Amino acid sequence: MSRIRIVHRTGFTYEEPATASYNEARMLPHSGGEQFVLQAGLDIRPGATQHSYLDYWGTRVSTFEVLTPHRELSVTATSLVEVRPSPVPRSELSWDELEVAAGSTVGLVEASSFSDATAPPPEVVELARDIRAEGAPVGETALEISRAVGGAMEYMRGVTGVHSTGAEAWAERKGVCQDIAHVALGALRSVGIPARYVSGYLHPDPDADLGQTVVGESHAWVEWFAGEWRGYDPTNLKEVGELHVLVGRGRDYSDVTPLRGVYAGPGASELFVSVEVTRVA
C-alpha cells in the first residue's frame, strides 16, 4: 500500500488579457476499487465558482468560468491518495463469450470502436492478429499485445503533439505515454478485445525516500476487458500498481484532457504544466 501526494498545476497564459474563459478540469483522482482519495481539491486563480459532476466514464469533472479580464489562468489540483496493489482477475471469458459481450454491452461496444487517435495502421493490426493466432486466452493475448507495442516504441518527447494519432506515432516508433497507449488500444481493439484509455499519474522513482518530492508528469496507460478490467502500463512495460494514481477513463485522450476550455479575447494562449509527486507512506 502507498500513500501519494500529487500537486498538479496547469493553466494558460494569454498574449493579451482574456475578457472571459469557460473551462473544465479532469485533475482530481478517482476514488474506488483499490484507490481511496483521502483529500483532493482545486485552487483556481483568478477565483471562480466550481461545479462538479461525474462524466459518463466516471471521471470527476470540475467546470468553472472566469468573467473578469485575466492574463493567466492557473489551476492547481492537490490530492492525497491511498493505493493498494490490484488483485489478480478472478474470472476470464472465452473468446466466443467475449465476442457476444463486446457486441451487446454499451460500455464494451464503445471500448471496442476506433477513433481517429486509436485507429491502428495495417502493421499494428497484423502484429495483434499474429499474437492472437497463437491461441492463448484473452487476458494473456492482451498482455502480449500490450508488451509488443510498448517494446516496439521508444518514449521520446517532442516527436508528437497532443493532437497526434497513434498511427502517426507508430510511423516514427516514438512518442510519449499518450501515443503508446493509443497504439496499444488500437491493437487490442483490432482483435476484438475491448480496451479503454486511462489517465493519471505515476510516481517516477520507486527508490525515493518517504517524504521526498520528485518531479512527475501526467501519465497514461490502458485497461482491457476479459471478464474483468485489468490495467497495464505499455510505456513502462509493467503492471499497474500502487505507484499509479488513476484520474479518469475514456475511449482516448480526448475524453480525459486535464484542462480545456475557450476564452474571449485577442491574441494566442500558451499552456503550462508542472507536477510534483511525494510518497508519504
C-alpha atoms as a PDB file:
ATOM      1  CA  MET A   1       0.000   0.000   0.000  1.00  0.00           C
ATOM      2  CA  SER A   2       1.202   3.522  -0.832  1.00  0.00           C
ATOM      3  CA  ARG A   3       0.026   6.980   0.096  1.00  0.00           C
ATOM      4  CA  ILE A   4       0.917   9.514  -2.550  1.00  0.00           C
ATOM      5  CA  ARG A   5       0.505  13.282  -2.626  1.00  0.00           C
ATOM      6  CA  ILE A   6       0.218  14.934  -6.048  1.00  0.00           C
ATOM      7  CA  VAL A   7       0.361  18.654  -6.784  1.00  0.00           C
ATOM      8  CA  HIS A   8      -0.598  19.241 -10.422  1.00  0.00           C
ATOM      9  CA  ARG A   9      -0.521  22.842 -11.612  1.00  0.00           C
ATOM     10  CA  THR A  10      -1.611  23.781 -15.101  1.00  0.00           C
ATOM     11  CA  GLY A  11      -3.229  26.638 -16.949  1.00  0.00           C
ATOM     12  CA  PHE A  12      -2.913  29.163 -19.723  1.00  0.00           C
ATOM     13  CA  THR A  13      -1.086  32.436 -20.209  1.00  0.00           C
ATOM     14  CA  TYR A  14      -2.616  34.879 -22.684  1.00  0.00           C
ATOM     15  CA  GLU A  15      -0.824  37.181 -25.094  1.00  0.00           C
ATOM     16  CA  GLU A  16      -3.468  39.806 -24.391  1.00  0.00           C
ATOM     17  CA  PRO A  17      -5.912  39.837 -21.471  1.00  0.00           C
ATOM     18  CA  ALA A  18      -8.755  37.348 -21.867  1.00  0.00           C
ATOM     19  CA  THR A  19     -12.052  39.024 -21.067  1.00  0.00           C
ATOM     20  CA  ALA A  20     -13.669  35.709 -20.097  1.00  0.00           C
ATOM     21  CA  SER A  21     -12.895  31.993 -20.104  1.00  0.00           C
ATOM     22  CA  TYR A  22     -15.028  28.867 -19.728  1.00  0.00           C
ATOM     23  CA  ASN A  23     -13.245  25.724 -18.631  1.00  0.00           C
ATOM     24  CA  GLU A  24     -13.477  22.155 -17.406  1.00  0.00           C
ATOM     25  CA  ALA A  25     -10.831  20.216 -15.480  1.00  0.00           C
ATOM     26  CA  ARG A  26     -10.311  16.472 -15.039  1.00  0.00           C
ATOM     27  CA  MET A  27      -7.499  16.574 -12.484  1.00  0.00           C
ATOM     28  CA  LEU A  28      -8.941  15.048  -9.296  1.00  0.00           C
ATOM     29  CA  PRO A  29      -8.214  11.338  -8.727  1.00  0.00           C
ATOM     30  CA  HIS A  30     -10.804   8.592  -8.926  1.00  0.00           C
ATOM     31  CA  SER A  31     -11.970   7.028  -5.664  1.00  0.00           C
ATOM     32  CA  GLY A  32     -12.947   3.371  -5.863  1.00  0.00           C
ATOM     33  CA  GLY A  33     -11.599  -0.134  -6.180  1.00  0.00           C
ATOM     34  CA  GLU A  34      -8.040  -0.280  -4.855  1.00  0.00           C
ATOM     35  CA  GLN A  35      -7.701   3.507  -4.722  1.00  0.00           C
ATOM     36  CA  PHE A  36      -9.077   5.749  -1.982  1.00  0.00           C
ATOM     37  CA  VAL A  37      -8.899   9.541  -2.115  1.00  0.00           C
ATOM     38  CA  LEU A  38      -8.102  10.956   1.324  1.00  0.00           C
ATOM     39  CA  GLN A  39      -8.010  14.585   0.230  1.00  0.00           C
ATOM     40  CA  ALA A  40      -8.471  16.416  -3.062  1.00  0.00           C
ATOM     41  CA  GLY A  41      -9.201  19.950  -4.117  1.00  0.00           C
ATOM     42  CA  LEU A  42      -8.750  22.543  -6.861  1.00  0.00           C
ATOM     43  CA  ASP A  43      -7.360  26.037  -6.399  1.00  0.00           C
ATOM     44  CA  ILE A  44      -8.336  28.289  -9.308  1.00  0.00           C
ATOM     45  CA  ARG A  45      -6.787  31.716  -9.950  1.00  0.00           C
ATOM     46  CA  PRO A  46      -8.447  34.090 -10.639  1.00  0.00           C
ATOM     47  CA  GLY A  47     -11.049  32.810  -8.209  1.00  0.00           C
ATOM     48  CA  ALA A  48     -14.081  31.095  -9.715  1.00  0.00           C
ATOM     49  CA  THR A  49     -17.101  29.133  -8.554  1.00  0.00           C
ATOM     50  CA  GLN A  50     -16.793  25.425  -9.310  1.00  0.00           C
ATOM     51  CA  HIS A  51     -19.492  22.943 -10.296  1.00  0.00           C
ATOM     52  CA  SER A  52     -18.620  19.248 -10.150  1.00  0.00           C
ATOM     53  CA  TYR A  53     -20.086  16.083 -11.624  1.00  0.00           C
ATOM     54  CA  LEU A  54     -19.086  12.588 -12.756  1.00  0.00           C
ATOM     55  CA  ASP A  55     -18.974  12.183 -16.520  1.00  0.00           C
ATOM     56  CA  TYR A  56     -20.178   9.138 -18.480  1.00  0.00           C
ATOM     57  CA  TRP A  57     -16.955   7.251 -17.748  1.00  0.00           C
ATOM     58  CA  GLY A  58     -16.983   8.040 -14.021  1.00  0.00           C
ATOM     59  CA  THR A  59     -14.320  10.753 -14.133  1.00  0.00           C
ATOM     60  CA  ARG A  60     -14.627  13.688 -11.739  1.00  0.00           C
ATOM     61  CA  VAL A  61     -15.126  16.904 -13.724  1.00  0.00           C
ATOM     62  CA  SER A  62     -14.962  20.453 -12.374  1.00  0.00           C
ATOM     63  CA  THR A  63     -16.420  23.224 -14.519  1.00  0.00           C
ATOM     64  CA  PHE A  64     -15.839  26.919 -13.904  1.00  0.00           C
ATOM     65  CA  GLU A  65     -15.853  30.287 -15.635  1.00  0.00           C
ATOM     66  CA  VAL A  66     -13.787  33.423 -15.132  1.00  0.00           C
ATOM     67  CA  LEU A  67     -15.641  36.553 -16.188  1.00  0.00           C
ATOM     68  CA  THR A  68     -13.052  39.186 -15.292  1.00  0.00           C
ATOM     69  CA  PRO A  69     -10.091  40.143 -17.529  1.00  0.00           C
ATOM     70  CA  HIS A  70      -7.031  37.961 -16.844  1.00  0.00           C
ATOM     71  CA  ARG A  71      -3.619  37.347 -18.407  1.00  0.00           C
ATOM     72  CA  GLU A  72      -3.193  33.963 -16.745  1.00  0.00           C
ATOM     73  CA  LEU A  73      -5.491  31.150 -15.693  1.00  0.00           C
ATOM     74  CA  SER A  74      -3.954  28.817 -13.112  1.00  0.00           C
ATOM     75  CA  VAL A  75      -5.489  25.590 -11.786  1.00  0.00           C
ATOM     76  CA  THR A  76      -3.744  23.623  -9.033  1.00  0.00           C
ATOM     77  CA  ALA A  77      -5.030  20.183  -8.021  1.00  0.00           C
ATOM     78  CA  THR A  78      -3.675  18.905  -4.698  1.00  0.00           C
ATOM     79  CA  SER A  79      -4.516  15.303  -3.816  1.00  0.00           C
ATOM     80  CA  LEU A  80      -3.612  12.689  -1.226  1.00  0.00           C
ATOM     81  CA  VAL A  81      -4.396   9.163  -2.371  1.00  0.00           C
ATOM     82  CA  GLU A  82      -4.045   5.698  -0.875  1.00  0.00           C
ATOM     83  CA  VAL A  83      -3.354   2.986  -3.461  1.00  0.00           C
ATOM     84  CA  ARG A  84      -3.308  -0.775  -2.886  1.00  0.00           C
ATOM     85  CA  PRO A  85      -1.979  -3.416  -5.288  1.00  0.00           C
ATOM     86  CA  SER A  86      -4.600  -4.570  -7.794  1.00  0.00           C
ATOM     87  CA  PRO A  87      -5.924  -8.103  -7.250  1.00  0.00           C
ATOM     88  CA  VAL A  88      -5.435 -10.798  -9.850  1.00  0.00           C
ATOM     89  CA  PRO A  89      -8.597 -11.116 -12.027  1.00  0.00           C
ATOM     90  CA  ARG A  90     -10.807 -13.909 -10.712  1.00  0.00           C
ATOM     91  CA  SER A  91     -12.502 -14.905 -13.949  1.00  0.00           C
ATOM     92  CA  GLU A  92     -11.952 -14.706 -17.672  1.00  0.00           C
ATOM     93  CA  LEU A  93     -14.269 -15.044 -20.648  1.00  0.00           C
ATOM     94  CA  SER A  94     -13.573 -17.265 -23.616  1.00  0.00           C
ATOM     95  CA  TRP A  95     -13.082 -15.611 -26.985  1.00  0.00           C
ATOM     96  CA  ASP A  96     -16.627 -16.557 -28.028  1.00  0.00           C
ATOM     97  CA  GLU A  97     -18.123 -15.224 -24.797  1.00  0.00           C
ATOM     98  CA  LEU A  98     -16.146 -12.005 -25.160  1.00  0.00           C
ATOM     99  CA  GLU A  99     -17.402 -11.500 -28.718  1.00  0.00           C
ATOM    100  CA  VAL A 100     -21.014 -11.717 -27.515  1.00  0.00           C
ATOM    101  CA  ALA A 101     -20.398  -9.345 -24.587  1.00  0.00           C
ATOM    102  CA  ALA A 102     -18.462  -6.832 -26.680  1.00  0.00           C
ATOM    103  CA  GLY A 103     -21.264  -6.633 -29.216  1.00  0.00           C
ATOM    104  CA  SER A 104     -24.161  -6.289 -26.783  1.00  0.00           C
ATOM    105  CA  THR A 105     -22.919  -4.244 -23.793  1.00  0.00           C
ATOM    106  CA  VAL A 106     -22.920  -0.484 -24.350  1.00  0.00           C
ATOM    107  CA  GLY A 107     -19.700   0.269 -22.437  1.00  0.00           C
ATOM    108  CA  LEU A 108     -17.861  -2.554 -24.180  1.00  0.00           C
ATOM    109  CA  VAL A 109     -19.143  -1.541 -27.610  1.00  0.00           C
ATOM    110  CA  GLU A 110     -17.682   1.939 -27.087  1.00  0.00           C
ATOM    111  CA  ALA A 111     -14.430   0.440 -25.828  1.00  0.00           C
ATOM    112  CA  SER A 112     -14.215  -1.662 -28.990  1.00  0.00           C
ATOM    113  CA  SER A 113     -14.588   1.148 -31.536  1.00  0.00           C
ATOM    114  CA  PHE A 114     -11.771   3.078 -33.193  1.00  0.00           C
ATOM    115  CA  SER A 115     -11.362   6.836 -33.043  1.00  0.00           C
ATOM    116  CA  ASP A 116      -9.015   8.955 -35.131  1.00  0.00           C
ATOM    117  CA  ALA A 117      -6.487   8.742 -32.288  1.00  0.00           C
ATOM    118  CA  THR A 118      -6.643   4.954 -31.911  1.00  0.00           C
ATOM    119  CA  ALA A 119      -7.241   3.683 -35.471  1.00  0.00           C
ATOM    120  CA  PRO A 120      -4.369   1.229 -35.999  1.00  0.00           C
ATOM    121  CA  PRO A 121      -2.187   1.123 -39.126  1.00  0.00           C
ATOM    122  CA  PRO A 122      -2.084  -2.206 -41.021  1.00  0.00           C
ATOM    123  CA  GLU A 123       1.228  -3.223 -39.453  1.00  0.00           C
ATOM    124  CA  VAL A 124      -0.215  -2.912 -35.933  1.00  0.00           C
ATOM    125  CA  VAL A 125      -3.294  -4.916 -36.930  1.00  0.00           C
ATOM    126  CA  GLU A 126      -1.043  -7.648 -38.330  1.00  0.00           C
ATOM    127  CA  LEU A 127       1.053  -7.661 -35.156  1.00  0.00           C
ATOM    128  CA  ALA A 128      -2.029  -8.084 -32.966  1.00  0.00           C
ATOM    129  CA  ARG A 129      -3.540 -10.781 -35.192  1.00  0.00           C
ATOM    130  CA  ASP A 130      -0.322 -12.780 -35.184  1.00  0.00           C
ATOM    131  CA  ILE A 131      -0.299 -12.757 -31.379  1.00  0.00           C
ATOM    132  CA  ARG A 132      -3.969 -13.770 -31.187  1.00  0.00           C
ATOM    133  CA  ALA A 133      -3.336 -16.584 -33.676  1.00  0.00           C
ATOM    134  CA  GLU A 134      -1.042 -18.213 -31.134  1.00  0.00           C
ATOM    135  CA  GLY A 135      -4.208 -19.379 -29.385  1.00  0.00           C
ATOM    136  CA  ALA A 136      -3.671 -18.029 -25.869  1.00  0.00           C
ATOM    137  CA  PRO A 137      -6.605 -16.977 -23.642  1.00  0.00           C
ATOM    138  CA  VAL A 138      -7.942 -13.428 -23.926  1.00  0.00           C
ATOM    139  CA  GLY A 139      -6.045 -11.951 -20.966  1.00  0.00           C
ATOM    140  CA  GLU A 140      -2.712 -13.463 -21.914  1.00  0.00           C
ATOM    141  CA  THR A 141      -3.173 -12.323 -25.508  1.00  0.00           C
ATOM    142  CA  ALA A 142      -3.980  -8.771 -24.380  1.00  0.00           C
ATOM    143  CA  LEU A 143      -0.890  -8.715 -22.194  1.00  0.00           C
ATOM    144  CA  GLU A 144       1.368  -9.900 -25.015  1.00  0.00           C
ATOM    145  CA  ILE A 145      -0.103  -7.357 -27.450  1.00  0.00           C
ATOM    146  CA  SER A 146       0.449  -4.518 -24.985  1.00  0.00           C
ATOM    147  CA  ARG A 147       4.017  -5.671 -24.332  1.00  0.00           C
ATOM    148  CA  ALA A 148       4.731  -5.955 -28.049  1.00  0.00           C
ATOM    149  CA  VAL A 149       3.512  -2.410 -28.714  1.00  0.00           C
ATOM    150  CA  GLY A 150       5.383  -0.927 -25.771  1.00  0.00           C
ATOM    151  CA  GLY A 151       8.541  -2.827 -26.640  1.00  0.00           C
ATOM    152  CA  ALA A 152       8.463  -1.613 -30.236  1.00  0.00           C
ATOM    153  CA  MET A 153       8.189   2.095 -29.343  1.00  0.00           C
ATOM    154  CA  GLU A 154      10.655   4.458 -27.738  1.00  0.00           C
ATOM    155  CA  TYR A 155       9.499   7.033 -25.208  1.00  0.00           C
ATOM    156  CA  MET A 156      10.603  10.398 -26.565  1.00  0.00           C
ATOM    157  CA  ARG A 157       9.212  13.873 -26.068  1.00  0.00           C
ATOM    158  CA  GLY A 158       8.927  16.378 -28.870  1.00  0.00           C
ATOM    159  CA  VAL A 159       8.264  13.903 -31.676  1.00  0.00           C
ATOM    160  CA  THR A 160       4.483  14.103 -31.381  1.00  0.00           C
ATOM    161  CA  GLY A 161       1.944  16.672 -30.197  1.00  0.00           C
ATOM    162  CA  VAL A 162      -1.176  16.496 -28.092  1.00  0.00           C
ATOM    163  CA  HIS A 163      -3.300  16.007 -31.229  1.00  0.00           C
ATOM    164  CA  SER A 164      -1.082  13.344 -32.843  1.00  0.00           C
ATOM    165  CA  THR A 165      -2.670   9.996 -33.622  1.00  0.00           C
ATOM    166  CA  GLY A 166      -1.406   6.589 -32.635  1.00  0.00           C
ATOM    167  CA  ALA A 167      -0.735   5.808 -36.297  1.00  0.00           C
ATOM    168  CA  GLU A 168       1.494   8.890 -36.615  1.00  0.00           C
ATOM    169  CA  ALA A 169       3.453   7.906 -33.505  1.00  0.00           C
ATOM    170  CA  TRP A 170       3.798   4.318 -34.726  1.00  0.00           C
ATOM    171  CA  ALA A 171       5.251   5.529 -38.022  1.00  0.00           C
ATOM    172  CA  GLU A 172       8.113   7.078 -36.024  1.00  0.00           C
ATOM    173  CA  ARG A 173       8.145   4.288 -33.412  1.00  0.00           C
ATOM    174  CA  LYS A 174       8.457   7.152 -30.921  1.00  0.00           C
ATOM    175  CA  GLY A 175       6.154   9.170 -28.718  1.00  0.00           C
ATOM    176  CA  VAL A 176       5.013   9.803 -25.170  1.00  0.00           C
ATOM    177  CA  CYS A 177       2.763   7.684 -22.965  1.00  0.00           C
ATOM    178  CA  GLN A 178      -0.359   9.115 -24.613  1.00  0.00           C
ATOM    179  CA  ASP A 179       0.818   7.900 -28.015  1.00  0.00           C
ATOM    180  CA  ILE A 180       1.893   4.459 -26.821  1.00  0.00           C
ATOM    181  CA  ALA A 181      -1.465   3.982 -25.092  1.00  0.00           C
ATOM    182  CA  HIS A 182      -3.303   4.972 -28.288  1.00  0.00           C
ATOM    183  CA  VAL A 183      -1.347   2.428 -30.335  1.00  0.00           C
ATOM    184  CA  ALA A 184      -1.970  -0.296 -27.746  1.00  0.00           C
ATOM    185  CA  LEU A 185      -5.696   0.488 -27.709  1.00  0.00           C
ATOM    186  CA  GLY A 186      -5.906   0.203 -31.485  1.00  0.00           C
ATOM    187  CA  ALA A 187      -4.043  -3.108 -31.430  1.00  0.00           C
ATOM    188  CA  LEU A 188      -6.254  -4.594 -28.712  1.00  0.00           C
ATOM    189  CA  ARG A 189      -9.499  -3.442 -30.294  1.00  0.00           C
ATOM    190  CA  SER A 190      -8.420  -4.747 -33.714  1.00  0.00           C
ATOM    191  CA  VAL A 191      -8.627  -8.336 -32.420  1.00  0.00           C
ATOM    192  CA  GLY A 192     -11.890  -7.871 -30.538  1.00  0.00           C
ATOM    193  CA  ILE A 193     -10.593  -7.030 -27.058  1.00  0.00           C
ATOM    194  CA  PRO A 194     -12.427  -4.032 -25.528  1.00  0.00           C
ATOM    195  CA  ALA A 195      -9.917  -1.558 -24.130  1.00  0.00           C
ATOM    196  CA  ARG A 196     -10.011   1.924 -22.660  1.00  0.00           C
ATOM    197  CA  TYR A 197      -7.609   4.808 -22.129  1.00  0.00           C
ATOM    198  CA  VAL A 198      -6.623   5.644 -18.547  1.00  0.00           C
ATOM    199  CA  SER A 199      -5.145   8.943 -17.397  1.00  0.00           C
ATOM    200  CA  GLY A 200      -3.441   9.609 -14.098  1.00  0.00           C
ATOM    201  CA  TYR A 201      -0.011   9.838 -12.548  1.00  0.00           C
ATOM    202  CA  LEU A 202       2.930   7.513 -11.931  1.00  0.00           C
ATOM    203  CA  HIS A 203       5.446   8.063  -9.170  1.00  0.00           C
ATOM    204  CA  PRO A 204       8.610   8.076 -11.314  1.00  0.00           C
ATOM    205  CA  ASP A 205      11.113   6.944  -8.678  1.00  0.00           C
ATOM    206  CA  PRO A 206      10.224   3.875  -6.574  1.00  0.00           C
ATOM    207  CA  ASP A 207      13.527   4.285  -4.690  1.00  0.00           C
ATOM    208  CA  ALA A 208      12.756   7.804  -3.491  1.00  0.00           C
ATOM    209  CA  ASP A 209      12.660   8.297   0.278  1.00  0.00           C
ATOM    210  CA  LEU A 210       9.341   8.774   2.020  1.00  0.00           C
ATOM    211  CA  GLY A 211       8.557  12.473   2.059  1.00  0.00           C
ATOM    212  CA  GLN A 212      10.881  13.220  -0.865  1.00  0.00           C
ATOM    213  CA  THR A 213       9.161  15.295  -3.537  1.00  0.00           C
ATOM    214  CA  VAL A 214      10.081  14.456  -7.116  1.00  0.00           C
ATOM    215  CA  VAL A 215       9.143  15.988 -10.444  1.00  0.00           C
ATOM    216  CA  GLY A 216       6.415  13.964 -12.152  1.00  0.00           C
ATOM    217  CA  GLU A 217       4.010  14.339 -15.025  1.00  0.00           C
ATOM    218  CA  SER A 218       0.604  13.196 -16.172  1.00  0.00           C
ATOM    219  CA  HIS A 219       0.682   9.578 -17.274  1.00  0.00           C
ATOM    220  CA  ALA A 220      -1.432   7.256 -19.422  1.00  0.00           C
ATOM    221  CA  TRP A 221      -1.937   3.509 -19.624  1.00  0.00           C
ATOM    222  CA  VAL A 222      -4.589   1.041 -20.813  1.00  0.00           C
ATOM    223  CA  GLU A 223      -7.191  -1.310 -19.379  1.00  0.00           C
ATOM    224  CA  TRP A 224      -8.691  -4.247 -21.254  1.00  0.00           C
ATOM    225  CA  PHE A 225     -11.748  -6.362 -20.556  1.00  0.00           C
ATOM    226  CA  ALA A 226     -11.528 -10.144 -20.433  1.00  0.00           C
ATOM    227  CA  GLY A 227     -14.365 -10.737 -17.968  1.00  0.00           C
ATOM    228  CA  GLU A 228     -12.928  -8.129 -15.592  1.00  0.00           C
ATOM    229  CA  TRP A 229     -10.996  -4.948 -16.344  1.00  0.00           C
ATOM    230  CA  ARG A 230      -7.229  -5.202 -15.991  1.00  0.00           C
ATOM    231  CA  GLY A 231      -4.681  -2.398 -16.285  1.00  0.00           C
ATOM    232  CA  TYR A 232      -1.256  -2.427 -17.894  1.00  0.00           C
ATOM    233  CA  ASP A 233       1.343   0.294 -18.498  1.00  0.00           C
ATOM    234  CA  PRO A 234       2.770  -0.304 -22.012  1.00  0.00           C
ATOM    235  CA  THR A 235       5.115   2.678 -21.792  1.00  0.00           C
ATOM    236  CA  ASN A 236       6.976   1.154 -18.854  1.00  0.00           C
ATOM    237  CA  LEU A 237       6.195  -2.499 -19.703  1.00  0.00           C
ATOM    238  CA  LYS A 238       4.777  -3.244 -16.270  1.00  0.00           C
ATOM    239  CA  GLU A 239       1.577  -3.974 -14.419  1.00  0.00           C
ATOM    240  CA  VAL A 240      -0.384  -1.074 -12.993  1.00  0.00           C
ATOM    241  CA  GLY A 241       0.467  -0.999  -9.299  1.00  0.00           C
ATOM    242  CA  GLU A 242       0.482   1.016  -6.128  1.00  0.00           C
ATOM    243  CA  LEU A 243       2.579   3.817  -7.655  1.00  0.00           C
ATOM    244  CA  HIS A 244      -0.065   4.512 -10.321  1.00  0.00           C
ATOM    245  CA  VAL A 245      -2.788   7.026  -9.402  1.00  0.00           C
ATOM    246  CA  LEU A 246      -5.892   6.874 -11.581  1.00  0.00           C
ATOM    247  CA  VAL A 247      -7.732  10.068 -12.552  1.00  0.00           C
ATOM    248  CA  GLY A 248     -10.008   9.189 -15.468  1.00  0.00           C
ATOM    249  CA  ARG A 249     -11.008   6.739 -18.167  1.00  0.00           C
ATOM    250  CA  GLY A 250     -12.302   7.109 -21.705  1.00  0.00           C
ATOM    251  CA  ARG A 251     -12.051   5.995 -25.297  1.00  0.00           C
ATOM    252  CA  ASP A 252      -8.877   8.026 -25.890  1.00  0.00           C
ATOM    253  CA  TYR A 253      -7.074  11.107 -24.615  1.00  0.00           C
ATOM    254  CA  SER A 254      -9.815  13.479 -25.770  1.00  0.00           C
ATOM    255  CA  ASP A 255     -12.170  12.039 -23.130  1.00  0.00           C
ATOM    256  CA  VAL A 256      -9.810  12.792 -20.239  1.00  0.00           C
ATOM    257  CA  THR A 257      -7.979  16.023 -21.142  1.00  0.00           C
ATOM    258  CA  PRO A 258      -6.814  17.509 -17.794  1.00  0.00           C
ATOM    259  CA  LEU A 259      -7.821  21.093 -18.639  1.00  0.00           C
ATOM    260  CA  ARG A 260      -9.631  22.509 -21.625  1.00  0.00           C
ATOM    261  CA  GLY A 261     -11.829  25.454 -22.402  1.00  0.00           C
ATOM    262  CA  VAL A 262     -12.477  28.501 -24.531  1.00  0.00           C
ATOM    263  CA  TYR A 263     -11.721  32.149 -23.950  1.00  0.00           C
ATOM    264  CA  ALA A 264     -12.737  35.528 -25.337  1.00  0.00           C
ATOM    265  CA  GLY A 265     -10.011  37.979 -26.217  1.00  0.00           C
ATOM    266  CA  PRO A 266      -7.348  38.853 -28.799  1.00  0.00           C
ATOM    267  CA  GLY A 267      -4.051  37.050 -29.105  1.00  0.00           C
ATOM    268  CA  ALA A 268      -2.909  33.495 -28.554  1.00  0.00           C
ATOM    269  CA  SER A 269      -2.739  31.361 -25.418  1.00  0.00           C
ATOM    270  CA  GLU A 270       0.020  29.068 -24.150  1.00  0.00           C
ATOM    271  CA  LEU A 271      -0.371  26.035 -21.879  1.00  0.00           C
ATOM    272  CA  PHE A 272       1.884  25.439 -18.868  1.00  0.00           C
ATOM    273  CA  VAL A 273       2.099  22.292 -16.715  1.00  0.00           C
ATOM    274  CA  SER A 274       4.009  21.093 -13.659  1.00  0.00           C
ATOM    275  CA  VAL A 275       3.510  18.008 -11.476  1.00  0.00           C
ATOM    276  CA  GLU A 276       5.106  17.177  -8.114  1.00  0.00           C
ATOM    277  CA  VAL A 277       4.735  13.719  -6.572  1.00  0.00           C
ATOM    278  CA  THR A 278       5.542  12.685  -3.000  1.00  0.00           C
ATOM    279  CA  ARG A 279       5.193   9.259  -1.430  1.00  0.00           C
ATOM    280  CA  VAL A 280       4.235   9.832   2.213  1.00  0.00           C
ATOM    281  CA  ALA A 281       3.611   6.219   3.313  1.00  0.00           C
END
